[in-house]
Amino acid sequence: MTKLVIDVETGEVIQRDLNKAEKDQEKIDDAASVAAITTAKAEAEAKATAKAALLERLGITQDEANLLLS
């Protein structure tokens, strides 16, 4: 993997390989992103399940709930 370094004062553009610390950080950042996405999906699914269960208990449809909330 490479890194693009741009010196805004001189306009010089350098493309270089990532060093070990940068590669390690890239792996950490990737893992954190995957974890955040997985957590967000799980939370959304749990919310949708709870919402569907509540609508079922109330005996109303989503459209009827929307009507009540408008």
C-alpha atoms as a PDB file:
ATOM      1  CA  MET A   1       0.000   0.000   0.000  1.00  0.00           C
ATOM      2  CA  THR A   2       1.225   3.501  -0.717  1.00  0.00           C
ATOM      3  CA  LYS A   3       0.720   6.954   0.704  1.00  0.00           C
ATOM      4  CA  LEU A   4       0.461  10.141  -1.318  1.00  0.00           C
ATOM      5  CA  VAL A   5       2.235  13.113   0.278  1.00  0.00           C
ATOM      6  CA  ILE A   6       1.622  16.574  -1.180  1.00  0.00           C
ATOM      7  CA  ASP A   7       3.681  19.581  -0.120  1.00  0.00           C
ATOM      8  CA  VAL A   8       1.246  22.463  -0.559  1.00  0.00           C
ATOM      9  CA  GLU A   9       3.989  25.092  -0.462  1.00  0.00           C
ATOM     10  CA  THR A  10       6.129  23.615  -3.224  1.00  0.00           C
ATOM     11  CA  GLY A  11       3.511  21.545  -5.040  1.00  0.00           C
ATOM     12  CA  GLU A  12       5.807  18.514  -4.800  1.00  0.00           C
ATOM     13  CA  VAL A  13       3.956  15.197  -4.883  1.00  0.00           C
ATOM     14  CA  ILE A  14       5.573  12.111  -3.401  1.00  0.00           C
ATOM     15  CA  GLN A  15       4.143   8.616  -3.454  1.00  0.00           C
ATOM     16  CA  ARG A  16       5.773   6.290  -0.954  1.00  0.00           C
ATOM     17  CA  ASP A  17       5.164   2.920   0.644  1.00  0.00           C
ATOM     18  CA  LEU A  18       3.571   2.855   4.066  1.00  0.00           C
ATOM     19  CA  ASN A  19       5.928   2.142   6.928  1.00  0.00           C
ATOM     20  CA  LYS A  20       5.252  -0.601   9.496  1.00  0.00           C
ATOM     21  CA  ALA A  21       3.501   1.718  11.965  1.00  0.00           C
ATOM     22  CA  GLU A  22       1.217   3.058   9.214  1.00  0.00           C
ATOM     23  CA  LYS A  23       0.399  -0.481   8.022  1.00  0.00           C
ATOM     24  CA  ASP A  24      -0.374  -1.548  11.582  1.00  0.00           C
ATOM     25  CA  GLN A  25      -2.625   1.486  12.069  1.00  0.00           C
ATOM     26  CA  GLU A  26      -4.372   0.722   8.776  1.00  0.00           C
ATOM     27  CA  LYS A  27      -5.201  -2.777  10.069  1.00  0.00           C
ATOM     28  CA  ILE A  28      -6.481  -1.356  13.357  1.00  0.00           C
ATOM     29  CA  ASP A  29      -8.623   1.214  11.530  1.00  0.00           C
ATOM     30  CA  ASP A  30     -10.034  -1.439   9.190  1.00  0.00           C
ATOM     31  CA  ALA A  31     -10.952  -3.694  12.125  1.00  0.00           C
ATOM     32  CA  ALA A  32     -12.598  -0.780  13.937  1.00  0.00           C
ATOM     33  CA  SER A  33     -14.624   0.074  10.830  1.00  0.00           C
ATOM     34  CA  VAL A  34     -15.823  -3.508  10.449  1.00  0.00           C
ATOM     35  CA  ALA A  35     -16.758  -3.630  14.137  1.00  0.00           C
ATOM     36  CA  ALA A  36     -18.665  -0.339  13.902  1.00  0.00           C
ATOM     37  CA  ILE A  37     -20.579  -1.487  10.820  1.00  0.00           C
ATOM     38  CA  THR A  38     -21.401  -4.838  12.419  1.00  0.00           C
ATOM     39  CA  THR A  39     -22.620  -3.129  15.593  1.00  0.00           C
ATOM     40  CA  ALA A  40     -24.743  -0.650  13.647  1.00  0.00           C
ATOM     41  CA  LYS A  41     -26.360  -3.450  11.629  1.00  0.00           C
ATOM     42  CA  ALA A  42     -27.091  -5.475  14.780  1.00  0.00           C
ATOM     43  CA  GLU A  43     -28.628  -2.429  16.481  1.00  0.00           C
ATOM     44  CA  ALA A  44     -30.789  -1.675  13.439  1.00  0.00           C
ATOM     45  CA  GLU A  45     -31.996  -5.279  13.268  1.00  0.00           C
ATOM     46  CA  ALA A  46     -32.785  -5.311  16.996  1.00  0.00           C
ATOM     47  CA  LYS A  47     -34.719  -2.057  16.662  1.00  0.00           C
ATOM     48  CA  ALA A  48     -36.690  -3.382  13.675  1.00  0.00           C
ATOM     49  CA  THR A  49     -37.502  -6.594  15.548  1.00  0.00           C
ATOM     50  CA  ALA A  50     -38.662  -4.678  18.636  1.00  0.00           C
ATOM     51  CA  LYS A  51     -40.765  -2.364  16.470  1.00  0.00           C
ATOM     52  CA  ALA A  52     -42.414  -5.275  14.678  1.00  0.00           C
ATOM     53  CA  ALA A  53     -43.135  -6.978  18.009  1.00  0.00           C
ATOM     54  CA  LEU A  54     -44.709  -3.807  19.400  1.00  0.00           C
ATOM     55  CA  LEU A  55     -46.896  -3.344  16.332  1.00  0.00           C
ATOM     56  CA  GLU A  56     -47.953  -6.997  16.617  1.00  0.00           C
ATOM     57  CA  ARG A  57     -48.855  -6.582  20.311  1.00  0.00           C
ATOM     58  CA  LEU A  58     -50.844  -3.443  19.512  1.00  0.00           C
ATOM     59  CA  GLY A  59     -52.535  -5.208  16.614  1.00  0.00           C
ATOM     60  CA  ILE A  60     -51.827  -2.383  14.145  1.00  0.00           C
ATOM     61  CA  THR A  61     -49.910  -2.064  10.910  1.00  0.00           C
ATOM     62  CA  GLN A  62     -46.994   0.250  10.206  1.00  0.00           C
ATOM     63  CA  ASP A  63     -49.298   2.470   8.143  1.00  0.00           C
ATOM     64  CA  GLU A  64     -51.712   2.754  11.051  1.00  0.00           C
ATOM     65  CA  ALA A  65     -48.857   3.615  13.416  1.00  0.00           C
ATOM     66  CA  ASN A  66     -47.683   6.290  10.986  1.00  0.00           C
ATOM     67  CA  LEU A  67     -51.203   7.717  10.928  1.00  0.00           C
ATOM     68  CA  LEU A  68     -51.281   7.892  14.737  1.00  0.00           C
ATOM     69  CA  LEU A  69     -47.929   9.691  14.816  1.00  0.00           C
ATOM     70  CA  SER A  70     -48.741  12.259  12.149  1.00  0.00           C
END
